[in-house]
Amino acid sequence: MAIIAVTGYAIAANEHIVIQKDKHFSVKILTVKVGDWVSFKNDDAFFHNVFSLSDAQSFDLGSHGQGQARRVQMAKEGTVDIECAIHPEMKMQIKVMK
């Protein structure tokens, strides 16, 4: 668990784990708080990618193989649409709240 400072006081950041299995994310919608981490773990025997082009937060975590994970910290409030560049049918949303 990470500690982050927000407007003069410290809060604990949580980590949420999303599994990539059978060309699906384990959740369709995930609600987290600003500062939380989201880890994407590949449980398939082939590569996956995780990226977002959302205004709330854009990133590309690159490709990762079976058993590997990539993580991102949610920096600001908003809705983040997540996709896999390798499997375009893989989609989910992260709703980031204060």
PDB file of N, CA and C in Angstrom:
ATOM      1  N   MET A   1       0.843  -1.165   0.000  1.00  0.00           N
ATOM      2  CA  MET A   1       0.000   0.000   0.000  1.00  0.00           C
ATOM      3  C   MET A   1       0.894   1.236   0.000  1.00  0.00           C
ATOM      4  N   ALA A   2       0.618   2.158  -0.879  1.00  0.00           N
ATOM      5  CA  ALA A   2       1.386   3.394  -0.978  1.00  0.00           C
ATOM      6  C   ALA A   2       0.701   4.491  -0.180  1.00  0.00           C
ATOM      7  N   ILE A   3       1.483   5.445   0.268  1.00  0.00           N
ATOM      8  CA  ILE A   3       0.945   6.611   0.954  1.00  0.00           C
ATOM      9  C   ILE A   3       1.156   7.820   0.045  1.00  0.00           C
ATOM     10  N   ILE A   4       0.122   8.583  -0.188  1.00  0.00           N
ATOM     11  CA  ILE A   4       0.249   9.786  -1.009  1.00  0.00           C
ATOM     12  C   ILE A   4      -0.238  10.982  -0.214  1.00  0.00           C
ATOM     13  N   ALA A   5       0.307  12.124  -0.511  1.00  0.00           N
ATOM     14  CA  ALA A   5      -0.117  13.349   0.169  1.00  0.00           C
ATOM     15  C   ALA A   5      -1.086  14.101  -0.726  1.00  0.00           C
ATOM     16  N   VAL A   6      -2.226  14.480  -0.169  1.00  0.00           N
ATOM     17  CA  VAL A   6      -3.231  15.229  -0.911  1.00  0.00           C
ATOM     18  C   VAL A   6      -3.676  16.395  -0.033  1.00  0.00           C
ATOM     19  N   THR A   7      -3.491  17.580  -0.516  1.00  0.00           N
ATOM     20  CA  THR A   7      -3.890  18.820   0.173  1.00  0.00           C
ATOM     21  C   THR A   7      -3.560  18.805   1.659  1.00  0.00           C
ATOM     22  N   GLY A   8      -2.322  18.435   1.981  1.00  0.00           N
ATOM     23  CA  GLY A   8      -1.857  18.585   3.342  1.00  0.00           C
ATOM     24  C   GLY A   8      -2.084  17.417   4.283  1.00  0.00           C
ATOM     25  N   TYR A   9      -2.722  16.354   3.831  1.00  0.00           N
ATOM     26  CA  TYR A   9      -2.864  15.194   4.697  1.00  0.00           C
ATOM     27  C   TYR A   9      -2.603  13.936   3.881  1.00  0.00           C
ATOM     28  N   ALA A  10      -2.180  12.871   4.559  1.00  0.00           N
ATOM     29  CA  ALA A  10      -1.814  11.627   3.872  1.00  0.00           C
ATOM     30  C   ALA A  10      -3.000  10.670   3.870  1.00  0.00           C
ATOM     31  N   ILE A  11      -3.188  10.004   2.755  1.00  0.00           N
ATOM     32  CA  ILE A  11      -4.204   8.961   2.652  1.00  0.00           C
ATOM     33  C   ILE A  11      -3.541   7.725   2.058  1.00  0.00           C
ATOM     34  N   ALA A  12      -4.083   6.585   2.333  1.00  0.00           N
ATOM     35  CA  ALA A  12      -3.533   5.340   1.799  1.00  0.00           C
ATOM     36  C   ALA A  12      -4.110   5.076   0.418  1.00  0.00           C
ATOM     37  N   ALA A  13      -3.239   4.766  -0.525  1.00  0.00           N
ATOM     38  CA  ALA A  13      -3.687   4.408  -1.872  1.00  0.00           C
ATOM     39  C   ALA A  13      -3.888   2.901  -1.921  1.00  0.00           C
ATOM     40  N   ASN A  14      -4.981   2.467  -2.484  1.00  0.00           N
ATOM     41  CA  ASN A  14      -5.268   1.041  -2.629  1.00  0.00           C
ATOM     42  C   ASN A  14      -4.765   0.534  -3.967  1.00  0.00           C
ATOM     43  N   GLU A  15      -4.569  -0.782  -4.060  1.00  0.00           N
ATOM     44  CA  GLU A  15      -4.227  -1.411  -5.330  1.00  0.00           C
ATOM     45  C   GLU A  15      -5.361  -2.346  -5.708  1.00  0.00           C
ATOM     46  N   HIS A  16      -5.810  -2.239  -6.952  1.00  0.00           N
ATOM     47  CA  HIS A  16      -6.884  -3.070  -7.486  1.00  0.00           C
ATOM     48  C   HIS A  16      -6.279  -3.944  -8.572  1.00  0.00           C
ATOM     49  N   ILE A  17      -6.656  -5.203  -8.610  1.00  0.00           N
ATOM     50  CA  ILE A  17      -6.099  -6.134  -9.593  1.00  0.00           C
ATOM     51  C   ILE A  17      -7.181  -6.528 -10.586  1.00  0.00           C
ATOM     52  N   VAL A  18      -6.880  -6.348 -11.868  1.00  0.00           N
ATOM     53  CA  VAL A  18      -7.763  -6.747 -12.954  1.00  0.00           C
ATOM     54  C   VAL A  18      -7.060  -7.877 -13.698  1.00  0.00           C
ATOM     55  N   ILE A  19      -7.740  -9.001 -13.851  1.00  0.00           N
ATOM     56  CA  ILE A  19      -7.175 -10.164 -14.536  1.00  0.00           C
ATOM     57  C   ILE A  19      -7.570 -10.117 -16.009  1.00  0.00           C
ATOM     58  N   GLN A  20      -6.618 -10.416 -16.876  1.00  0.00           N
ATOM     59  CA  GLN A  20      -6.871 -10.562 -18.313  1.00  0.00           C
ATOM     60  C   GLN A  20      -6.872 -12.062 -18.605  1.00  0.00           C
ATOM     61  N   LYS A  21      -8.039 -12.597 -18.940  1.00  0.00           N
ATOM     62  CA  LYS A  21      -8.191 -14.036 -19.152  1.00  0.00           C
ATOM     63  C   LYS A  21      -9.237 -14.277 -20.225  1.00  0.00           C
ATOM     64  N   ASP A  22      -8.948 -15.196 -21.126  1.00  0.00           N
ATOM     65  CA  ASP A  22      -9.880 -15.568 -22.205  1.00  0.00           C
ATOM     66  C   ASP A  22     -10.298 -14.350 -23.030  1.00  0.00           C
ATOM     67  N   LYS A  23      -9.333 -13.451 -23.269  1.00  0.00           N
ATOM     68  CA  LYS A  23      -9.559 -12.226 -24.048  1.00  0.00           C
ATOM     69  C   LYS A  23     -10.637 -11.334 -23.443  1.00  0.00           C
ATOM     70  N   HIS A  24     -10.679 -11.289 -22.095  1.00  0.00           N
ATOM     71  CA  HIS A  24     -11.595 -10.421 -21.360  1.00  0.00           C
ATOM     72  C   HIS A  24     -10.871  -9.823 -20.160  1.00  0.00           C
ATOM     73  N   PHE A  25     -11.314  -8.654 -19.736  1.00  0.00           N
ATOM     74  CA  PHE A  25     -10.921  -8.118 -18.442  1.00  0.00           C
ATOM     75  C   PHE A  25     -11.851  -8.724 -17.408  1.00  0.00           C
ATOM     76  N   SER A  26     -11.380  -8.953 -16.189  1.00  0.00           N
ATOM     77  CA  SER A  26     -12.196  -9.621 -15.165  1.00  0.00           C
ATOM     78  C   SER A  26     -13.362  -8.768 -14.676  1.00  0.00           C
ATOM     79  N   VAL A  27     -13.325  -7.469 -14.951  1.00  0.00           N
ATOM     80  CA  VAL A  27     -14.450  -6.578 -14.611  1.00  0.00           C
ATOM     81  C   VAL A  27     -14.729  -5.672 -15.799  1.00  0.00           C
ATOM     82  N   LYS A  28     -15.955  -5.250 -15.938  1.00  0.00           N
ATOM     83  CA  LYS A  28     -16.332  -4.306 -17.006  1.00  0.00           C
ATOM     84  C   LYS A  28     -16.197  -2.858 -16.527  1.00  0.00           C
ATOM     85  N   ILE A  29     -16.540  -2.630 -15.247  1.00  0.00           N
ATOM     86  CA  ILE A  29     -16.443  -1.302 -14.664  1.00  0.00           C
ATOM     87  C   ILE A  29     -15.804  -1.439 -13.288  1.00  0.00           C
ATOM     88  N   LEU A  30     -14.778  -0.644 -13.052  1.00  0.00           N
ATOM     89  CA  LEU A  30     -14.066  -0.644 -11.779  1.00  0.00           C
ATOM     90  C   LEU A  30     -14.106   0.779 -11.227  1.00  0.00           C
ATOM     91  N   THR A  31     -14.519   0.927  -9.981  1.00  0.00           N
ATOM     92  CA  THR A  31     -14.543   2.241  -9.339  1.00  0.00           C
ATOM     93  C   THR A  31     -13.406   2.319  -8.337  1.00  0.00           C
ATOM     94  N   VAL A  32     -12.577   3.352  -8.488  1.00  0.00           N
ATOM     95  CA  VAL A  32     -11.417   3.550  -7.622  1.00  0.00           C
ATOM     96  C   VAL A  32     -11.370   5.010  -7.180  1.00  0.00           C
ATOM     97  N   LYS A  33     -10.427   5.318  -6.301  1.00  0.00           N
ATOM     98  CA  LYS A  33     -10.224   6.698  -5.857  1.00  0.00           C
ATOM     99  C   LYS A  33      -8.970   7.265  -6.506  1.00  0.00           C
ATOM    100  N   VAL A  34      -8.913   8.593  -6.612  1.00  0.00           N
ATOM    101  CA  VAL A  34      -7.722   9.268  -7.104  1.00  0.00           C
ATOM    102  C   VAL A  34      -6.536   8.808  -6.254  1.00  0.00           C
ATOM    103  N   GLY A  35      -5.449   8.435  -6.909  1.00  0.00           N
ATOM    104  CA  GLY A  35      -4.252   7.958  -6.216  1.00  0.00           C
ATOM    105  C   GLY A  35      -4.152   6.451  -6.141  1.00  0.00           C
ATOM    106  N   ASP A  36      -5.263   5.728  -6.330  1.00  0.00           N
ATOM    107  CA  ASP A  36      -5.222   4.263  -6.309  1.00  0.00           C
ATOM    108  C   ASP A  36      -4.439   3.730  -7.504  1.00  0.00           C
ATOM    109  N   TRP A  37      -3.888   2.552  -7.328  1.00  0.00           N
ATOM    110  CA  TRP A  37      -3.183   1.840  -8.395  1.00  0.00           C
ATOM    111  C   TRP A  37      -4.093   0.760  -8.954  1.00  0.00           C
ATOM    112  N   VAL A  38      -3.996   0.517 -10.266  1.00  0.00           N
ATOM    113  CA  VAL A  38      -4.707  -0.594 -10.904  1.00  0.00           C
ATOM    114  C   VAL A  38      -3.662  -1.451 -11.612  1.00  0.00           C
ATOM    115  N   SER A  39      -3.623  -2.732 -11.252  1.00  0.00           N
ATOM    116  CA  SER A  39      -2.706  -3.691 -11.879  1.00  0.00           C
ATOM    117  C   SER A  39      -3.490  -4.568 -12.833  1.00  0.00           C
ATOM    118  N   PHE A  40      -2.907  -4.812 -13.997  1.00  0.00           N
ATOM    119  CA  PHE A  40      -3.500  -5.678 -15.019  1.00  0.00           C
ATOM    120  C   PHE A  40      -2.613  -6.904 -15.142  1.00  0.00           C
ATOM    121  N   LYS A  41      -3.137  -8.071 -14.750  1.00  0.00           N
ATOM    122  CA  LYS A  41      -2.363  -9.320 -14.765  1.00  0.00           C
ATOM    123  C   LYS A  41      -2.846 -10.215 -15.899  1.00  0.00           C
ATOM    124  N   ASN A  42      -1.903 -10.661 -16.715  1.00  0.00           N
ATOM    125  CA  ASN A  42      -2.217 -11.518 -17.858  1.00  0.00           C
ATOM    126  C   ASN A  42      -2.224 -12.978 -17.423  1.00  0.00           C
ATOM    127  N   ASP A  43      -3.384 -13.610 -17.453  1.00  0.00           N
ATOM    128  CA  ASP A  43      -3.518 -15.031 -17.149  1.00  0.00           C
ATOM    129  C   ASP A  43      -3.758 -15.856 -18.413  1.00  0.00           C
ATOM    130  N   ASP A  44      -3.524 -15.279 -19.578  1.00  0.00           N
ATOM    131  CA  ASP A  44      -3.640 -16.012 -20.839  1.00  0.00           C
ATOM    132  C   ASP A  44      -2.257 -16.461 -21.309  1.00  0.00           C
ATOM    133  N   ALA A  45      -2.232 -17.418 -22.218  1.00  0.00           N
ATOM    134  CA  ALA A  45      -0.973 -17.951 -22.755  1.00  0.00           C
ATOM    135  C   ALA A  45      -0.439 -17.116 -23.917  1.00  0.00           C
ATOM    136  N   PHE A  46      -1.001 -15.944 -24.123  1.00  0.00           N
ATOM    137  CA  PHE A  46      -0.558 -15.052 -25.200  1.00  0.00           C
ATOM    138  C   PHE A  46      -0.484 -13.627 -24.651  1.00  0.00           C
ATOM    139  N   PHE A  47       0.105 -12.734 -25.420  1.00  0.00           N
ATOM    140  CA  PHE A  47       0.323 -11.362 -24.975  1.00  0.00           C
ATOM    141  C   PHE A  47      -0.969 -10.541 -24.948  1.00  0.00           C
ATOM    142  N   HIS A  48      -1.002  -9.592 -24.020  1.00  0.00           N
ATOM    143  CA  HIS A  48      -2.034  -8.574 -23.956  1.00  0.00           C
ATOM    144  C   HIS A  48      -1.360  -7.214 -23.863  1.00  0.00           C
ATOM    145  N   ASN A  49      -2.137  -6.172 -24.080  1.00  0.00           N
ATOM    146  CA  ASN A  49      -1.699  -4.791 -23.954  1.00  0.00           C
ATOM    147  C   ASN A  49      -2.766  -4.065 -23.151  1.00  0.00           C
ATOM    148  N   VAL A  50      -2.393  -2.963 -22.524  1.00  0.00           N
ATOM    149  CA  VAL A  50      -3.356  -2.128 -21.807  1.00  0.00           C
ATOM    150  C   VAL A  50      -3.065  -0.679 -22.159  1.00  0.00           C
ATOM    151  N   PHE A  51      -4.107   0.022 -22.649  1.00  0.00           N
ATOM    152  CA  PHE A  51      -3.924   1.436 -22.965  1.00  0.00           C
ATOM    153  C   PHE A  51      -5.231   2.191 -22.791  1.00  0.00           C
ATOM    154  N   SER A  52      -5.099   3.525 -22.702  1.00  0.00           N
ATOM    155  CA  SER A  52      -6.252   4.411 -22.645  1.00  0.00           C
ATOM    156  C   SER A  52      -5.925   5.689 -23.395  1.00  0.00           C
ATOM    157  N   LEU A  53      -6.901   6.158 -24.158  1.00  0.00           N
ATOM    158  CA  LEU A  53      -6.796   7.449 -24.843  1.00  0.00           C
ATOM    159  C   LEU A  53      -7.766   8.460 -24.242  1.00  0.00           C
ATOM    160  N   SER A  54      -8.269   8.168 -23.060  1.00  0.00           N
ATOM    161  CA  SER A  54      -9.271   9.004 -22.409  1.00  0.00           C
ATOM    162  C   SER A  54      -8.702  10.358 -21.999  1.00  0.00           C
ATOM    163  N   ASP A  55      -9.574  11.372 -22.050  1.00  0.00           N
ATOM    164  CA  ASP A  55      -9.181  12.704 -21.601  1.00  0.00           C
ATOM    165  C   ASP A  55      -8.797  12.697 -20.124  1.00  0.00           C
ATOM    166  N   ALA A  56      -9.486  11.892 -19.320  1.00  0.00           N
ATOM    167  CA  ALA A  56      -9.211  11.844 -17.884  1.00  0.00           C
ATOM    168  C   ALA A  56      -7.796  11.341 -17.599  1.00  0.00           C
ATOM    169  N   GLN A  57      -7.333  10.388 -18.386  1.00  0.00           N
ATOM    170  CA  GLN A  57      -5.969   9.869 -18.235  1.00  0.00           C
ATOM    171  C   GLN A  57      -5.649   8.992 -19.441  1.00  0.00           C
ATOM    172  N   SER A  58      -4.598   9.354 -20.135  1.00  0.00           N
ATOM    173  CA  SER A  58      -4.159   8.515 -21.260  1.00  0.00           C
ATOM    174  C   SER A  58      -2.828   7.883 -20.903  1.00  0.00           C
ATOM    175  N   PHE A  59      -2.645   6.631 -21.339  1.00  0.00           N
ATOM    176  CA  PHE A  59      -1.411   5.897 -21.077  1.00  0.00           C
ATOM    177  C   PHE A  59      -1.358   4.674 -21.979  1.00  0.00           C
ATOM    178  N   ASP A  60      -0.187   4.096 -22.104  1.00  0.00           N
ATOM    179  CA  ASP A  60       0.010   2.820 -22.797  1.00  0.00           C
ATOM    180  C   ASP A  60       1.002   2.025 -21.969  1.00  0.00           C
ATOM    181  N   LEU A  61       0.528   0.945 -21.352  1.00  0.00           N
ATOM    182  CA  LEU A  61       1.380   0.127 -20.499  1.00  0.00           C
ATOM    183  C   LEU A  61       2.172  -0.905 -21.287  1.00  0.00           C
ATOM    184  N   GLY A  62       1.993  -0.934 -22.603  1.00  0.00           N
ATOM    185  CA  GLY A  62       2.743  -1.865 -23.432  1.00  0.00           C
ATOM    186  C   GLY A  62       2.190  -3.280 -23.357  1.00  0.00           C
ATOM    187  N   SER A  63       2.884  -4.178 -24.029  1.00  0.00           N
ATOM    188  CA  SER A  63       2.475  -5.584 -24.070  1.00  0.00           C
ATOM    189  C   SER A  63       3.154  -6.364 -22.953  1.00  0.00           C
ATOM    190  N   HIS A  64       2.451  -7.371 -22.465  1.00  0.00           N
ATOM    191  CA  HIS A  64       3.011  -8.228 -21.424  1.00  0.00           C
ATOM    192  C   HIS A  64       2.480  -9.647 -21.582  1.00  0.00           C
ATOM    193  N   GLY A  65       3.344 -10.600 -21.272  1.00  0.00           N
ATOM    194  CA  GLY A  65       3.035 -12.012 -21.470  1.00  0.00           C
ATOM    195  C   GLY A  65       2.387 -12.664 -20.260  1.00  0.00           C
ATOM    196  N   GLN A  66       2.162 -13.952 -20.404  1.00  0.00           N
ATOM    197  CA  GLN A  66       1.499 -14.742 -19.368  1.00  0.00           C
ATOM    198  C   GLN A  66       2.227 -14.611 -18.027  1.00  0.00           C
ATOM    199  N   GLY A  67       1.442 -14.372 -16.971  1.00  0.00           N
ATOM    200  CA  GLY A  67       1.984 -14.258 -15.630  1.00  0.00           C
ATOM    201  C   GLY A  67       2.538 -12.880 -15.299  1.00  0.00           C
ATOM    202  N   GLN A  68       2.663 -12.007 -16.288  1.00  0.00           N
ATOM    203  CA  GLN A  68       3.183 -10.670 -16.050  1.00  0.00           C
ATOM    204  C   GLN A  68       2.048  -9.699 -15.755  1.00  0.00           C
ATOM    205  N   ALA A  69       2.403  -8.606 -15.098  1.00  0.00           N
ATOM    206  CA  ALA A  69       1.414  -7.571 -14.773  1.00  0.00           C
ATOM    207  C   ALA A  69       2.002  -6.202 -15.075  1.00  0.00           C
ATOM    208  N   ARG A  70       1.129  -5.279 -15.373  1.00  0.00           N
ATOM    209  CA  ARG A  70       1.483  -3.872 -15.563  1.00  0.00           C
ATOM    210  C   ARG A  70       0.529  -3.068 -14.691  1.00  0.00           C
ATOM    211  N   ARG A  71       1.006  -1.938 -14.153  1.00  0.00           N
ATOM    212  CA  ARG A  71       0.126  -1.153 -13.296  1.00  0.00           C
ATOM    213  C   ARG A  71       0.231   0.325 -13.588  1.00  0.00           C
ATOM    214  N   VAL A  72      -0.828   1.024 -13.224  1.00  0.00           N
ATOM    215  CA  VAL A  72      -0.927   2.461 -13.455  1.00  0.00           C
ATOM    216  C   VAL A  72      -1.613   3.092 -12.246  1.00  0.00           C
ATOM    217  N   GLN A  73      -1.167   4.298 -11.900  1.00  0.00           N
ATOM    218  CA  GLN A  73      -1.805   5.029 -10.814  1.00  0.00           C
ATOM    219  C   GLN A  73      -2.828   5.995 -11.397  1.00  0.00           C
ATOM    220  N   MET A  74      -4.006   6.004 -10.830  1.00  0.00           N
ATOM    221  CA  MET A  74      -5.071   6.877 -11.304  1.00  0.00           C
ATOM    222  C   MET A  74      -4.839   8.278 -10.747  1.00  0.00           C
ATOM    223  N   ALA A  75      -4.565   9.229 -11.644  1.00  0.00           N
ATOM    224  CA  ALA A  75      -4.082  10.554 -11.245  1.00  0.00           C
ATOM    225  C   ALA A  75      -5.171  11.588 -10.988  1.00  0.00           C
ATOM    226  N   LYS A  76      -6.323  11.447 -11.680  1.00  0.00           N
ATOM    227  CA  LYS A  76      -7.358  12.459 -11.474  1.00  0.00           C
ATOM    228  C   LYS A  76      -8.739  11.870 -11.704  1.00  0.00           C
ATOM    229  N   GLU A  77      -9.724  12.595 -11.228  1.00  0.00           N
ATOM    230  CA  GLU A  77     -11.115  12.167 -11.303  1.00  0.00           C
ATOM    231  C   GLU A  77     -11.595  12.112 -12.755  1.00  0.00           C
ATOM    232  N   GLY A  78     -12.438  11.129 -13.057  1.00  0.00           N
ATOM    233  CA  GLY A  78     -13.012  11.006 -14.387  1.00  0.00           C
ATOM    234  C   GLY A  78     -13.211   9.557 -14.774  1.00  0.00           C
ATOM    235  N   THR A  79     -13.657   9.351 -16.006  1.00  0.00           N
ATOM    236  CA  THR A  79     -13.862   8.006 -16.543  1.00  0.00           C
ATOM    237  C   THR A  79     -12.737   7.690 -17.510  1.00  0.00           C
ATOM    238  N   VAL A  80     -12.101   6.537 -17.287  1.00  0.00           N
ATOM    239  CA  VAL A  80     -10.970   6.106 -18.111  1.00  0.00           C
ATOM    240  C   VAL A  80     -11.396   4.851 -18.869  1.00  0.00           C
ATOM    241  N   ASP A  81     -11.450   4.948 -20.196  1.00  0.00           N
ATOM    242  CA  ASP A  81     -11.780   3.802 -21.045  1.00  0.00           C
ATOM    243  C   ASP A  81     -10.500   3.021 -21.317  1.00  0.00           C
ATOM    244  N   ILE A  82     -10.531   1.719 -21.025  1.00  0.00           N
ATOM    245  CA  ILE A  82      -9.363   0.848 -21.150  1.00  0.00           C
ATOM    246  C   ILE A  82      -9.588  -0.131 -22.292  1.00  0.00           C
ATOM    247  N   GLU A  83      -8.529  -0.362 -23.075  1.00  0.00           N
ATOM    248  CA  GLU A  83      -8.593  -1.333 -24.171  1.00  0.00           C
ATOM    249  C   GLU A  83      -7.298  -2.125 -24.250  1.00  0.00           C
ATOM    250  N   CYS A  84      -7.334  -3.206 -25.023  1.00  0.00           N
ATOM    251  CA  CYS A  84      -6.154  -3.999 -25.364  1.00  0.00           C
ATOM    252  C   CYS A  84      -5.890  -3.790 -26.852  1.00  0.00           C
ATOM    253  N   ALA A  85      -4.706  -3.293 -27.195  1.00  0.00           N
ATOM    254  CA  ALA A  85      -4.384  -3.020 -28.602  1.00  0.00           C
ATOM    255  C   ALA A  85      -4.314  -4.301 -29.428  1.00  0.00           C
ATOM    256  N   ILE A  86      -4.043  -5.419 -28.788  1.00  0.00           N
ATOM    257  CA  ILE A  86      -3.916  -6.694 -29.502  1.00  0.00           C
ATOM    258  C   ILE A  86      -5.281  -7.336 -29.739  1.00  0.00           C
ATOM    259  N   HIS A  87      -6.179  -7.168 -28.779  1.00  0.00           N
ATOM    260  CA  HIS A  87      -7.524  -7.751 -28.856  1.00  0.00           C
ATOM    261  C   HIS A  87      -8.545  -6.628 -28.690  1.00  0.00           C
ATOM    262  N   PRO A  88      -8.968  -5.997 -29.783  1.00  0.00           N
ATOM    263  CA  PRO A  88      -9.838  -4.817 -29.698  1.00  0.00           C
ATOM    264  C   PRO A  88     -11.194  -5.070 -29.033  1.00  0.00           C
ATOM    265  N   GLU A  89     -11.606  -6.310 -28.903  1.00  0.00           N
ATOM    266  CA  GLU A  89     -12.870  -6.601 -28.228  1.00  0.00           C
ATOM    267  C   GLU A  89     -12.741  -6.481 -26.704  1.00  0.00           C
ATOM    268  N   MET A  90     -11.521  -6.416 -26.203  1.00  0.00           N
ATOM    269  CA  MET A  90     -11.276  -6.279 -24.759  1.00  0.00           C
ATOM    270  C   MET A  90     -11.416  -4.810 -24.367  1.00  0.00           C
ATOM    271  N   LYS A  91     -12.463  -4.510 -23.594  1.00  0.00           N
ATOM    272  CA  LYS A  91     -12.718  -3.138 -23.163  1.00  0.00           C
ATOM    273  C   LYS A  91     -13.257  -3.146 -21.741  1.00  0.00           C
ATOM    274  N   MET A  92     -12.935  -2.090 -21.013  1.00  0.00           N
ATOM    275  CA  MET A  92     -13.481  -1.886 -19.668  1.00  0.00           C
ATOM    276  C   MET A  92     -13.392  -0.403 -19.347  1.00  0.00           C
ATOM    277  N   GLN A  93     -14.000   0.007 -18.234  1.00  0.00           N
ATOM    278  CA  GLN A  93     -13.936   1.385 -17.766  1.00  0.00           C
ATOM    279  C   GLN A  93     -13.470   1.424 -16.321  1.00  0.00           C
ATOM    280  N   ILE A  94     -12.688   2.455 -16.030  1.00  0.00           N
ATOM    281  CA  ILE A  94     -12.333   2.742 -14.644  1.00  0.00           C
ATOM    282  C   ILE A  94     -12.939   4.099 -14.300  1.00  0.00           C
ATOM    283  N   LYS A  95     -13.770   4.111 -13.276  1.00  0.00           N
ATOM    284  CA  LYS A  95     -14.366   5.374 -12.805  1.00  0.00           C
ATOM    285  C   LYS A  95     -13.540   5.819 -11.606  1.00  0.00           C
ATOM    286  N   VAL A  96     -12.877   6.961 -11.764  1.00  0.00           N
ATOM    287  CA  VAL A  96     -11.993   7.476 -10.729  1.00  0.00           C
ATOM    288  C   VAL A  96     -12.717   8.604  -9.996  1.00  0.00           C
ATOM    289  N   MET A  97     -12.829   8.447  -8.674  1.00  0.00           N
ATOM    290  CA  MET A  97     -13.578   9.409  -7.859  1.00  0.00           C
ATOM    291  C   MET A  97     -12.668  10.007  -6.792  1.00  0.00           C
ATOM    292  N   LYS A  98     -13.044  11.164  -6.284  1.00  0.00           N
ATOM    293  CA  LYS A  98     -12.287  11.796  -5.184  1.00  0.00           C
ATOM    294  C   LYS A  98     -12.502  11.067  -3.895  1.00  0.00           C
TER     295      LYS A  98
END
